[in-house]
N, C-alpha and C. Protein backbone atom coordinates (compact mmCIF):
# COMPACT_ATOMS: atom_id res chain seq x y z
N MET A 1 -32.19 37.73 -6.82
CA MET A 1 -33.34 36.68 -6.99
C MET A 1 -32.85 35.38 -6.51
N LYS A 2 -33.08 34.93 -5.33
CA LYS A 2 -32.43 33.84 -4.65
C LYS A 2 -32.57 32.53 -5.53
N GLY A 3 -33.43 32.40 -6.20
CA GLY A 3 -33.71 31.08 -6.85
C GLY A 3 -32.71 31.01 -8.12
N SER A 4 -32.34 32.03 -8.77
CA SER A 4 -31.38 31.93 -9.96
C SER A 4 -30.12 32.71 -9.58
N GLY A 5 -30.03 33.71 -8.61
CA GLY A 5 -28.89 34.28 -8.26
C GLY A 5 -28.85 35.63 -9.23
N LYS A 6 -29.86 35.92 -10.14
CA LYS A 6 -29.71 37.03 -10.76
C LYS A 6 -30.14 38.35 -10.15
N PHE A 7 -29.71 39.53 -10.81
CA PHE A 7 -30.15 40.79 -10.18
C PHE A 7 -31.12 41.52 -10.98
N VAL A 8 -32.22 42.08 -10.15
CA VAL A 8 -33.19 42.90 -10.77
C VAL A 8 -32.70 44.47 -10.50
N ILE A 9 -32.42 45.22 -11.54
CA ILE A 9 -32.06 46.58 -11.35
C ILE A 9 -32.99 47.47 -11.94
N CYS A 10 -33.25 48.69 -11.24
CA CYS A 10 -34.22 49.85 -11.74
C CYS A 10 -33.47 50.98 -11.77
N ASP A 11 -33.52 51.77 -12.87
CA ASP A 11 -33.04 52.98 -12.82
C ASP A 11 -34.12 53.94 -13.72
N ARG A 12 -33.69 55.34 -13.88
CA ARG A 12 -34.42 56.13 -14.66
C ARG A 12 -34.17 56.17 -16.03
N GLY A 13 -34.98 55.91 -17.09
CA GLY A 13 -34.56 56.05 -18.61
C GLY A 13 -34.78 57.45 -18.85
N ASN A 14 -35.20 57.59 -20.04
CA ASN A 14 -35.47 58.94 -20.69
C ASN A 14 -36.49 59.70 -20.03
N GLU A 15 -37.64 59.02 -19.56
CA GLU A 15 -38.92 59.61 -19.00
C GLU A 15 -39.26 58.86 -17.73
N ARG A 16 -39.36 57.45 -17.96
CA ARG A 16 -39.88 56.64 -16.82
C ARG A 16 -38.77 55.82 -16.33
N SER A 17 -39.03 54.98 -15.28
CA SER A 17 -38.17 53.97 -14.57
C SER A 17 -38.21 52.89 -15.84
N ARG A 18 -36.96 52.24 -15.67
CA ARG A 18 -36.75 50.92 -16.57
C ARG A 18 -36.30 49.89 -15.53
N MET A 19 -36.55 48.79 -15.92
CA MET A 19 -36.12 47.49 -15.19
C MET A 19 -35.34 46.54 -16.04
N GLN A 20 -34.21 46.08 -15.60
CA GLN A 20 -33.40 45.13 -16.38
C GLN A 20 -32.93 43.95 -15.34
N ILE A 21 -32.59 42.87 -15.95
CA ILE A 21 -32.11 41.75 -15.22
C ILE A 21 -30.62 41.37 -15.79
N PHE A 22 -29.79 41.19 -14.57
CA PHE A 22 -28.38 40.83 -15.04
C PHE A 22 -28.01 39.57 -14.11
N THR A 23 -27.03 38.90 -14.73
CA THR A 23 -26.61 37.78 -14.01
C THR A 23 -25.63 38.28 -12.84
N LYS A 24 -25.06 37.27 -11.85
CA LYS A 24 -24.31 37.57 -10.85
C LYS A 24 -23.06 38.26 -11.17
N GLN A 25 -22.63 38.00 -12.52
CA GLN A 25 -21.36 38.47 -12.98
C GLN A 25 -21.57 39.81 -13.78
N GLY A 26 -22.87 40.38 -13.65
CA GLY A 26 -23.19 41.60 -14.16
C GLY A 26 -23.27 41.65 -15.83
N HIS A 27 -23.68 40.39 -16.42
CA HIS A 27 -24.05 40.33 -17.84
C HIS A 27 -25.44 40.69 -17.98
N PHE A 28 -26.02 41.46 -18.91
CA PHE A 28 -27.04 41.87 -19.22
C PHE A 28 -28.06 40.48 -19.74
N VAL A 29 -29.24 40.27 -19.21
CA VAL A 29 -30.12 39.18 -19.60
C VAL A 29 -31.22 39.75 -20.41
N ARG A 30 -32.02 40.64 -19.76
CA ARG A 30 -33.12 41.18 -20.45
C ARG A 30 -33.62 42.40 -19.88
N LYS A 31 -34.33 43.12 -20.59
CA LYS A 31 -35.25 44.38 -20.09
C LYS A 31 -36.64 43.96 -19.96
N ILE A 32 -37.32 44.49 -18.76
CA ILE A 32 -38.64 43.83 -18.57
C ILE A 32 -39.21 45.38 -18.69
N SER A 33 -40.45 45.20 -19.65
CA SER A 33 -41.29 46.40 -19.88
C SER A 33 -42.17 46.76 -18.76
N ILE A 34 -42.08 47.92 -18.03
CA ILE A 34 -42.94 48.25 -17.02
C ILE A 34 -43.60 49.61 -17.19
N ARG A 35 -44.15 49.71 -18.56
CA ARG A 35 -44.66 50.99 -18.96
C ARG A 35 -45.70 51.45 -17.89
N PHE A 36 -46.24 50.75 -17.14
CA PHE A 36 -47.37 50.84 -16.22
C PHE A 36 -46.83 51.77 -14.98
N VAL A 37 -45.44 51.77 -14.88
CA VAL A 37 -45.02 52.41 -13.59
C VAL A 37 -44.39 53.66 -14.23
N ASP A 38 -44.65 54.88 -13.38
CA ASP A 38 -43.94 56.06 -13.57
C ASP A 38 -42.55 56.20 -13.05
N ILE A 39 -42.39 56.16 -11.61
CA ILE A 39 -40.98 56.05 -10.98
C ILE A 39 -41.06 54.98 -10.08
N VAL A 40 -40.29 53.97 -10.16
CA VAL A 40 -40.03 52.88 -9.24
C VAL A 40 -39.52 53.53 -7.94
N ALA A 41 -40.15 53.31 -6.85
CA ALA A 41 -39.75 53.79 -5.46
C ALA A 41 -38.98 52.83 -4.86
N SER A 42 -39.23 51.52 -5.13
CA SER A 42 -38.55 50.35 -4.57
C SER A 42 -39.08 49.26 -5.18
N LEU A 43 -38.06 48.09 -4.89
CA LEU A 43 -38.69 46.84 -5.36
C LEU A 43 -38.11 45.58 -4.37
N ALA A 44 -38.80 44.68 -4.56
CA ALA A 44 -38.52 43.38 -3.50
C ALA A 44 -38.80 42.17 -4.46
N ILE A 45 -38.40 41.05 -4.02
CA ILE A 45 -38.57 39.55 -4.41
C ILE A 45 -39.51 38.99 -3.48
N THR A 46 -40.40 38.21 -4.06
CA THR A 46 -41.33 37.43 -3.01
C THR A 46 -40.55 36.03 -2.83
N ARG A 47 -41.20 35.17 -2.02
CA ARG A 47 -40.70 34.00 -1.71
C ARG A 47 -40.98 33.04 -3.17
N GLU A 48 -41.74 33.42 -3.75
CA GLU A 48 -42.15 32.65 -4.95
C GLU A 48 -41.23 33.04 -6.21
N GLY A 49 -40.36 34.31 -5.87
CA GLY A 49 -39.47 34.35 -7.07
C GLY A 49 -40.03 35.70 -7.91
N HIS A 50 -41.36 36.38 -7.44
CA HIS A 50 -41.94 37.39 -8.20
C HIS A 50 -41.27 38.67 -7.90
N ILE A 51 -41.38 39.57 -8.83
CA ILE A 51 -40.77 40.89 -8.59
C ILE A 51 -42.00 41.80 -7.98
N VAL A 52 -41.91 42.63 -6.92
CA VAL A 52 -42.70 43.54 -6.24
C VAL A 52 -42.19 44.82 -6.67
N VAL A 53 -42.99 45.59 -7.20
CA VAL A 53 -42.61 47.13 -7.49
C VAL A 53 -43.65 48.12 -7.02
N VAL A 54 -42.95 49.20 -6.48
CA VAL A 54 -44.00 50.31 -5.94
C VAL A 54 -43.79 51.44 -6.69
N ASP A 55 -44.94 52.01 -7.11
CA ASP A 55 -44.90 53.30 -8.01
C ASP A 55 -44.89 54.30 -6.90
N SER A 56 -43.91 55.34 -6.96
CA SER A 56 -44.09 56.46 -6.03
C SER A 56 -44.86 57.67 -6.57
N VAL A 57 -45.17 57.66 -7.80
CA VAL A 57 -45.96 58.80 -8.44
C VAL A 57 -47.55 58.60 -8.22
N THR A 58 -47.95 57.57 -8.51
CA THR A 58 -49.23 57.13 -8.17
C THR A 58 -49.18 55.93 -7.39
N PRO A 59 -49.10 56.08 -6.11
CA PRO A 59 -48.89 54.84 -5.10
C PRO A 59 -49.65 53.70 -5.46
N THR A 60 -48.96 52.80 -5.96
CA THR A 60 -49.56 51.57 -6.34
C THR A 60 -48.51 50.37 -6.37
N LEU A 61 -48.87 49.21 -5.95
CA LEU A 61 -47.99 48.26 -5.74
C LEU A 61 -48.28 47.04 -6.87
N PHE A 62 -47.25 46.87 -7.65
CA PHE A 62 -47.60 45.64 -8.66
C PHE A 62 -46.69 44.35 -8.29
N ILE A 63 -47.10 43.30 -8.63
CA ILE A 63 -46.48 41.90 -8.37
C ILE A 63 -46.25 41.36 -9.98
N ILE A 64 -45.10 41.32 -10.43
CA ILE A 64 -44.86 40.81 -11.86
C ILE A 64 -43.90 39.62 -11.85
N SER A 65 -44.04 38.93 -12.98
CA SER A 65 -43.22 37.82 -13.22
C SER A 65 -41.75 38.38 -13.76
N GLU A 66 -40.88 37.31 -13.80
CA GLU A 66 -39.58 37.53 -14.41
C GLU A 66 -39.73 37.99 -15.87
N GLN A 67 -40.71 37.50 -16.43
CA GLN A 67 -40.85 37.88 -17.74
C GLN A 67 -41.77 39.09 -18.04
N GLY A 68 -42.19 39.76 -16.90
CA GLY A 68 -42.80 41.23 -17.05
C GLY A 68 -44.35 41.04 -16.96
N GLU A 69 -44.99 39.80 -16.77
CA GLU A 69 -46.43 39.79 -16.85
C GLU A 69 -46.81 40.15 -15.41
N ILE A 70 -48.02 40.97 -15.34
CA ILE A 70 -48.56 41.56 -14.21
C ILE A 70 -49.30 40.38 -13.48
N ILE A 71 -49.12 39.99 -12.44
CA ILE A 71 -49.71 38.94 -11.68
C ILE A 71 -50.84 39.54 -10.75
N SER A 72 -50.61 40.52 -10.19
CA SER A 72 -51.49 41.20 -9.36
C SER A 72 -51.09 42.58 -8.99
N TRP A 73 -52.03 43.50 -8.68
CA TRP A 73 -51.63 44.76 -8.05
C TRP A 73 -52.78 45.39 -7.33
N PHE A 74 -52.53 46.47 -6.59
CA PHE A 74 -53.38 47.27 -5.65
C PHE A 74 -52.89 48.59 -5.54
N GLU A 75 -53.80 49.53 -5.41
CA GLU A 75 -53.45 50.92 -5.13
C GLU A 75 -53.27 51.30 -3.72
N CYS A 76 -52.36 52.16 -3.37
CA CYS A 76 -52.11 52.42 -2.03
C CYS A 76 -52.64 53.78 -1.68
N ALA A 77 -52.84 54.72 -2.59
CA ALA A 77 -53.07 56.06 -2.58
C ALA A 77 -53.96 56.45 -1.42
N ASP A 78 -55.02 55.67 -1.05
CA ASP A 78 -55.91 56.11 0.01
C ASP A 78 -55.40 55.94 1.36
N TYR A 79 -53.96 55.29 1.61
CA TYR A 79 -53.59 55.15 2.78
C TYR A 79 -52.05 55.61 2.85
N MET A 80 -51.42 56.22 1.75
CA MET A 80 -50.15 56.82 1.76
C MET A 80 -50.03 57.93 0.71
N ARG A 81 -48.89 58.82 0.94
CA ARG A 81 -48.56 59.81 0.10
C ARG A 81 -47.61 59.51 -0.77
N GLU A 82 -46.52 59.01 -0.50
CA GLU A 82 -45.36 58.85 -1.43
C GLU A 82 -44.50 57.63 -0.85
N PRO A 83 -44.70 56.50 -1.41
CA PRO A 83 -43.78 55.32 -1.20
C PRO A 83 -42.41 55.60 -1.42
N SER A 84 -41.59 54.96 -0.52
CA SER A 84 -40.02 55.27 -0.83
C SER A 84 -39.31 53.86 -0.50
N ASP A 85 -39.67 52.88 0.14
CA ASP A 85 -38.92 51.70 0.20
C ASP A 85 -40.08 50.56 0.50
N ILE A 86 -39.77 49.26 0.47
CA ILE A 86 -40.67 48.14 0.85
C ILE A 86 -39.85 47.01 1.17
N PHE A 87 -40.35 46.29 2.28
CA PHE A 87 -40.04 45.07 2.87
C PHE A 87 -41.14 44.16 2.82
N ILE A 88 -40.81 42.70 2.52
CA ILE A 88 -41.91 41.80 2.54
C ILE A 88 -41.61 40.77 3.70
N SER A 89 -42.65 40.61 4.47
CA SER A 89 -42.38 39.63 5.55
C SER A 89 -43.50 38.62 5.35
N GLY A 90 -43.35 37.43 5.02
CA GLY A 90 -44.43 36.42 4.73
C GLY A 90 -45.21 37.00 3.69
N THR A 91 -46.45 37.12 3.85
CA THR A 91 -47.61 37.65 3.09
C THR A 91 -47.75 39.16 3.09
N ASP A 92 -47.06 39.85 4.16
CA ASP A 92 -47.26 41.29 4.40
C ASP A 92 -46.24 42.12 3.63
N PHE A 93 -46.69 43.40 3.17
CA PHE A 93 -45.83 44.30 2.50
C PHE A 93 -45.64 45.55 3.50
N TYR A 94 -44.54 45.80 3.67
CA TYR A 94 -44.26 47.08 4.73
C TYR A 94 -43.71 48.17 3.78
N ILE A 95 -44.51 49.17 3.59
CA ILE A 95 -43.95 50.20 2.63
C ILE A 95 -43.77 51.58 3.38
N CYS A 96 -42.46 52.13 3.23
CA CYS A 96 -42.40 53.30 3.79
C CYS A 96 -43.12 54.44 3.00
N ASP A 97 -43.60 55.31 3.82
CA ASP A 97 -44.48 56.45 3.20
C ASP A 97 -43.60 57.89 3.61
N PHE A 98 -42.66 58.13 2.65
CA PHE A 98 -41.88 59.27 2.99
C PHE A 98 -42.58 60.63 3.37
N LYS A 99 -43.69 60.84 2.76
CA LYS A 99 -44.48 62.20 3.25
C LYS A 99 -45.34 61.87 4.31
N GLY A 100 -45.82 60.57 4.70
CA GLY A 100 -46.81 60.28 5.61
C GLY A 100 -46.03 60.09 6.96
N HIS A 101 -44.50 60.00 6.91
CA HIS A 101 -43.75 60.08 8.27
C HIS A 101 -44.06 58.53 8.96
N ASN A 102 -44.49 57.54 8.18
CA ASN A 102 -44.57 56.26 8.76
C ASN A 102 -44.32 55.11 7.91
N VAL A 103 -44.76 53.72 8.25
CA VAL A 103 -44.59 52.62 7.36
C VAL A 103 -46.00 52.09 7.43
N VAL A 104 -46.60 51.84 6.12
CA VAL A 104 -48.04 51.16 6.14
C VAL A 104 -47.88 49.87 5.67
N VAL A 105 -48.61 48.96 6.49
CA VAL A 105 -48.52 47.56 6.12
C VAL A 105 -49.80 47.08 5.50
N PHE A 106 -49.55 46.29 4.35
CA PHE A 106 -50.72 45.85 3.68
C PHE A 106 -50.56 44.43 3.58
N SER A 107 -51.56 43.63 3.41
CA SER A 107 -51.71 42.16 3.07
C SER A 107 -51.31 41.93 1.59
N GLU A 108 -51.13 40.74 1.15
CA GLU A 108 -50.77 40.42 -0.19
C GLU A 108 -51.83 40.86 -0.93
N ALA A 109 -53.18 40.81 -0.52
CA ALA A 109 -54.51 41.29 -1.34
C ALA A 109 -54.49 42.76 -1.38
N GLY A 110 -53.71 43.51 -0.93
CA GLY A 110 -53.94 44.92 -0.78
C GLY A 110 -54.64 45.33 0.46
N GLU A 111 -55.04 44.57 1.59
CA GLU A 111 -55.78 45.06 2.52
C GLU A 111 -55.02 45.88 3.51
N PHE A 112 -55.36 47.08 3.97
CA PHE A 112 -54.50 47.93 4.84
C PHE A 112 -54.71 47.12 6.27
N LYS A 113 -53.41 47.00 6.81
CA LYS A 113 -53.35 46.41 8.25
C LYS A 113 -53.18 47.29 9.38
N ARG A 114 -52.20 48.11 9.28
CA ARG A 114 -51.81 49.17 10.28
C ARG A 114 -50.68 49.96 9.95
N ARG A 115 -50.28 51.07 10.58
CA ARG A 115 -49.32 51.66 10.40
C ARG A 115 -48.09 51.52 11.53
N ILE A 116 -46.87 51.82 11.23
CA ILE A 116 -45.86 51.76 12.33
C ILE A 116 -45.08 53.16 12.07
N GLY A 117 -44.85 53.73 13.34
CA GLY A 117 -44.07 54.99 13.29
C GLY A 117 -45.01 56.10 13.20
N PHE A 118 -44.30 57.33 13.32
CA PHE A 118 -45.05 58.52 13.56
C PHE A 118 -44.26 59.63 13.35
N GLU A 119 -44.63 60.85 13.07
CA GLU A 119 -43.89 62.11 12.75
C GLU A 119 -42.92 62.34 14.05
N ASN A 120 -41.76 62.78 13.76
CA ASN A 120 -40.70 63.14 14.92
C ASN A 120 -40.10 62.06 15.24
N ILE A 121 -40.41 60.85 14.95
CA ILE A 121 -39.87 59.56 15.16
C ILE A 121 -39.23 58.93 13.78
N THR A 122 -40.26 58.76 12.91
CA THR A 122 -39.96 58.27 11.43
C THR A 122 -40.12 59.44 10.64
N ASN A 123 -39.25 60.47 10.58
CA ASN A 123 -39.57 61.52 9.85
C ASN A 123 -39.00 61.22 8.24
N PHE A 124 -39.90 61.31 7.22
CA PHE A 124 -39.36 60.95 6.02
C PHE A 124 -38.77 59.63 5.87
N PRO A 125 -39.33 58.64 6.17
CA PRO A 125 -38.58 57.25 6.13
C PRO A 125 -38.22 56.86 4.85
N ASN A 126 -37.18 56.34 4.44
CA ASN A 126 -36.50 55.95 3.23
C ASN A 126 -35.83 54.80 3.22
N GLY A 127 -36.00 53.82 4.24
CA GLY A 127 -35.56 52.52 4.24
C GLY A 127 -36.21 51.83 5.27
N ILE A 128 -36.27 50.43 5.20
CA ILE A 128 -36.84 49.46 6.07
C ILE A 128 -36.18 48.18 5.67
N ASP A 129 -35.93 47.36 7.10
CA ASP A 129 -35.64 46.00 6.90
C ASP A 129 -35.85 45.44 8.33
N VAL A 130 -36.09 44.19 8.29
CA VAL A 130 -36.52 43.53 9.66
C VAL A 130 -35.27 42.49 10.00
N SER A 131 -34.96 42.60 11.42
CA SER A 131 -33.93 41.64 11.81
C SER A 131 -34.42 40.25 11.84
N ASP A 132 -33.49 39.39 12.15
CA ASP A 132 -33.68 38.08 12.33
C ASP A 132 -34.63 37.90 13.43
N ALA A 133 -34.49 38.72 14.45
CA ALA A 133 -35.29 38.76 15.72
C ALA A 133 -36.62 39.26 15.46
N GLY A 134 -37.09 39.80 14.34
CA GLY A 134 -38.24 40.37 14.04
C GLY A 134 -38.23 42.00 14.28
N ASP A 135 -37.23 42.52 14.86
CA ASP A 135 -37.22 43.94 14.90
C ASP A 135 -37.25 44.69 13.75
N ILE A 136 -38.14 45.71 13.50
CA ILE A 136 -38.26 46.51 12.30
C ILE A 136 -37.38 47.71 12.48
N LEU A 137 -36.49 47.74 11.57
CA LEU A 137 -35.64 48.88 11.51
C LEU A 137 -36.24 49.93 10.26
N ILE A 138 -36.37 51.20 10.70
CA ILE A 138 -36.62 52.27 9.74
C ILE A 138 -35.75 53.37 9.76
N GLY A 139 -35.22 53.68 8.60
CA GLY A 139 -34.19 54.77 8.40
C GLY A 139 -34.68 55.94 7.82
N ASP A 140 -34.09 57.01 8.25
CA ASP A 140 -34.27 58.39 7.53
C ASP A 140 -33.13 59.18 7.72
N SER A 141 -33.12 60.24 6.91
CA SER A 141 -31.89 61.19 7.04
C SER A 141 -32.31 62.42 7.06
N HIS A 142 -33.47 62.78 7.75
CA HIS A 142 -33.81 64.22 7.88
C HIS A 142 -33.00 65.03 8.88
N GLY A 143 -32.79 66.22 8.59
CA GLY A 143 -31.92 67.08 9.37
C GLY A 143 -30.57 66.59 9.16
N ASN A 144 -29.94 66.14 8.00
CA ASN A 144 -28.46 65.87 7.81
C ASN A 144 -27.86 64.94 8.70
N ARG A 145 -28.52 63.81 9.24
CA ARG A 145 -28.01 62.71 9.72
C ARG A 145 -28.85 61.63 9.64
N PHE A 146 -27.96 60.34 9.77
CA PHE A 146 -28.88 59.15 9.47
C PHE A 146 -29.31 58.59 10.78
N HIS A 147 -30.69 58.40 10.89
CA HIS A 147 -31.41 58.15 12.03
C HIS A 147 -32.17 56.73 11.83
N VAL A 148 -32.03 55.93 12.81
CA VAL A 148 -32.66 54.68 12.74
C VAL A 148 -33.58 54.49 13.97
N ALA A 149 -34.93 54.27 13.70
CA ALA A 149 -35.98 53.96 14.55
C ALA A 149 -36.13 52.38 14.61
N VAL A 150 -36.13 51.79 16.00
CA VAL A 150 -36.42 50.23 15.94
C VAL A 150 -37.78 50.00 16.65
N PHE A 151 -38.60 49.39 16.00
CA PHE A 151 -39.88 48.94 16.45
C PHE A 151 -39.90 47.39 16.55
N SER A 152 -40.88 47.01 17.41
CA SER A 152 -41.07 45.43 17.60
C SER A 152 -42.19 45.02 16.44
N SER A 153 -42.44 43.86 16.17
CA SER A 153 -43.22 43.36 15.22
C SER A 153 -44.70 43.87 15.42
N GLU A 154 -44.99 44.11 16.71
CA GLU A 154 -46.31 44.75 16.95
C GLU A 154 -46.48 46.25 16.82
N GLY A 155 -45.23 46.95 16.52
CA GLY A 155 -45.17 48.30 16.27
C GLY A 155 -44.87 49.21 17.40
N LYS A 156 -44.29 48.55 18.59
CA LYS A 156 -43.92 49.21 19.56
C LYS A 156 -42.49 49.92 19.51
N LEU A 157 -42.24 51.16 19.68
CA LEU A 157 -40.95 51.64 19.42
C LEU A 157 -40.11 51.40 20.78
N LEU A 158 -38.86 50.61 20.23
CA LEU A 158 -37.96 49.88 21.03
C LEU A 158 -36.62 50.78 21.25
N GLY A 159 -36.35 51.54 20.36
CA GLY A 159 -35.05 52.55 20.46
C GLY A 159 -34.82 53.33 19.42
N GLU A 160 -34.10 54.37 19.46
CA GLU A 160 -33.68 55.19 18.28
C GLU A 160 -32.04 55.32 18.22
N PHE A 161 -31.54 55.42 17.14
CA PHE A 161 -29.98 55.49 16.94
C PHE A 161 -29.82 56.42 15.84
N GLU A 162 -28.48 57.14 16.06
CA GLU A 162 -28.04 58.11 15.03
C GLU A 162 -26.70 58.08 14.85
N CYS A 163 -26.27 58.20 13.55
CA CYS A 163 -24.95 58.26 13.30
C CYS A 163 -24.58 59.56 13.15
N PRO A 164 -23.57 60.04 14.14
CA PRO A 164 -23.00 61.49 14.26
C PRO A 164 -21.81 61.87 13.51
N HIS A 165 -21.24 60.74 12.81
CA HIS A 165 -20.05 60.83 12.22
C HIS A 165 -20.06 61.35 10.78
N VAL A 166 -21.13 61.09 10.08
CA VAL A 166 -21.39 61.61 8.68
C VAL A 166 -22.57 62.37 8.55
N LYS A 167 -22.35 63.53 7.82
CA LYS A 167 -23.55 64.40 7.55
C LYS A 167 -24.03 63.83 6.16
N VAL A 168 -25.32 63.58 6.12
CA VAL A 168 -26.11 63.01 4.99
C VAL A 168 -27.27 63.84 4.64
N SER A 169 -27.51 64.19 3.54
CA SER A 169 -28.90 65.00 3.49
C SER A 169 -30.03 64.05 2.74
N ARG A 170 -29.49 62.87 1.93
CA ARG A 170 -30.31 62.04 1.22
C ARG A 170 -29.88 60.63 1.33
N CYS A 171 -30.36 59.90 2.26
CA CYS A 171 -30.02 58.46 2.31
C CYS A 171 -31.14 57.61 1.56
N CYS A 172 -31.01 56.63 0.99
CA CYS A 172 -31.78 55.75 0.26
C CYS A 172 -31.59 54.48 0.61
N GLY A 173 -32.66 53.70 1.16
CA GLY A 173 -32.67 52.36 1.60
C GLY A 173 -32.09 52.00 2.79
N LEU A 174 -32.28 50.91 3.43
CA LEU A 174 -31.54 50.42 4.58
C LEU A 174 -31.77 48.82 4.59
N LYS A 175 -30.71 48.10 4.70
CA LYS A 175 -30.47 46.83 4.78
C LYS A 175 -29.68 46.34 6.04
N ILE A 176 -30.04 45.36 6.40
CA ILE A 176 -29.03 44.50 7.57
C ILE A 176 -28.43 43.34 6.92
N THR A 177 -27.04 43.39 6.92
CA THR A 177 -26.29 42.30 6.39
C THR A 177 -26.28 41.16 7.48
N SER A 178 -25.84 39.96 6.90
CA SER A 178 -25.77 38.76 7.49
C SER A 178 -24.92 38.75 8.86
N GLU A 179 -24.06 39.75 9.02
CA GLU A 179 -23.43 40.06 10.28
C GLU A 179 -24.07 40.92 11.24
N GLY A 180 -25.15 41.75 10.76
CA GLY A 180 -25.90 42.47 11.62
C GLY A 180 -25.68 43.91 11.40
N TYR A 181 -24.66 44.18 10.35
CA TYR A 181 -24.38 45.62 10.13
C TYR A 181 -25.63 46.31 9.45
N VAL A 182 -25.75 47.64 9.57
CA VAL A 182 -26.75 48.58 9.12
C VAL A 182 -25.99 49.07 7.81
N VAL A 183 -26.69 49.10 6.55
CA VAL A 183 -26.07 49.74 5.42
C VAL A 183 -27.01 50.48 4.86
N THR A 184 -26.78 51.73 4.32
CA THR A 184 -27.59 52.57 3.48
C THR A 184 -26.84 53.32 2.65
N LEU A 185 -27.39 54.06 1.62
CA LEU A 185 -26.71 54.65 0.56
C LEU A 185 -26.90 56.15 0.80
N ALA A 186 -25.88 57.09 0.85
CA ALA A 186 -25.96 58.46 0.77
C ALA A 186 -26.02 58.88 -0.61
N LYS A 187 -27.21 59.63 -1.04
CA LYS A 187 -27.21 59.99 -2.41
C LYS A 187 -26.25 61.31 -2.67
N ASN A 188 -26.37 62.15 -1.66
CA ASN A 188 -25.70 63.53 -1.81
C ASN A 188 -24.30 63.46 -2.21
N ASN A 189 -23.51 62.45 -1.33
CA ASN A 189 -22.13 62.28 -1.64
C ASN A 189 -21.78 61.08 -2.22
N HIS A 190 -22.79 60.17 -2.82
CA HIS A 190 -22.34 58.92 -3.52
C HIS A 190 -21.49 58.02 -2.45
N HIS A 191 -21.89 57.96 -1.19
CA HIS A 191 -21.22 57.07 -0.31
C HIS A 191 -22.22 55.80 0.06
N VAL A 192 -21.60 54.62 0.47
CA VAL A 192 -22.27 53.55 0.97
C VAL A 192 -21.76 53.70 2.51
N LEU A 193 -22.86 53.66 3.29
CA LEU A 193 -22.64 53.79 4.82
C LEU A 193 -22.80 52.43 5.35
N VAL A 194 -21.81 51.94 6.11
CA VAL A 194 -21.86 50.53 6.69
C VAL A 194 -21.73 50.91 8.40
N LEU A 195 -22.82 50.80 9.08
CA LEU A 195 -22.72 50.98 10.49
C LEU A 195 -22.76 49.84 11.35
N ASN A 196 -22.27 49.93 12.46
CA ASN A 196 -22.15 48.94 13.58
C ASN A 196 -23.59 48.40 13.80
N THR A 197 -23.57 47.18 14.24
CA THR A 197 -24.78 46.41 14.59
C THR A 197 -25.51 47.03 15.79
N LEU A 198 -26.81 47.03 15.84
CA LEU A 198 -27.66 47.61 16.89
C LEU A 198 -28.00 46.41 17.82
N TYR A 199 -27.82 46.78 19.15
CA TYR A 199 -28.19 45.77 20.19
C TYR A 199 -29.38 46.55 21.10
N ILE A 200 -30.59 45.72 20.77
CA ILE A 200 -31.78 46.35 21.49
C ILE A 200 -31.74 45.67 23.03
N PRO A 201 -31.78 46.59 24.08
CA PRO A 201 -31.92 45.95 25.52
C PRO A 201 -33.42 45.45 25.60
């Protein structure tokens, strides 16, 4: 959370997901009750400092305050099957649809805007980020390799990249560092993968 420097962490509790806030030093601050969410697919922070949570069981997006109060929400089930990651650009929400093989873009009010990607290019997308230049990077690890498809802001495919050095069966998330490196988490072998920068011609 850029305003306070705190971290919002989600993991699985006994039955459902739980959400907790920690300081930069890792000290526990509070637990946020999210009984309305079955499994947190992903979360993000808005420019206003609100927490955006996406439920993967019943595709729904919630915007909540740091104190856990629901500010707004909308259902995504009519447009997607299984959310897996989210990126916020301005007032638009870019949500990976793992089983739909694409990214679905919604407005802040929940209005469907467009889809980015398609089967055989964004198979089972599990991570998304946008570069400073506006390129949309969508990651997946289908076929035991980490694959990144790059699209323009208008949704045109610009290029595809693959990491041939490490076999991975389950990657989770994709983020671009300030230096331009691509980072993902490999769930099957508990590795953090830091990949070289991508240069789009």
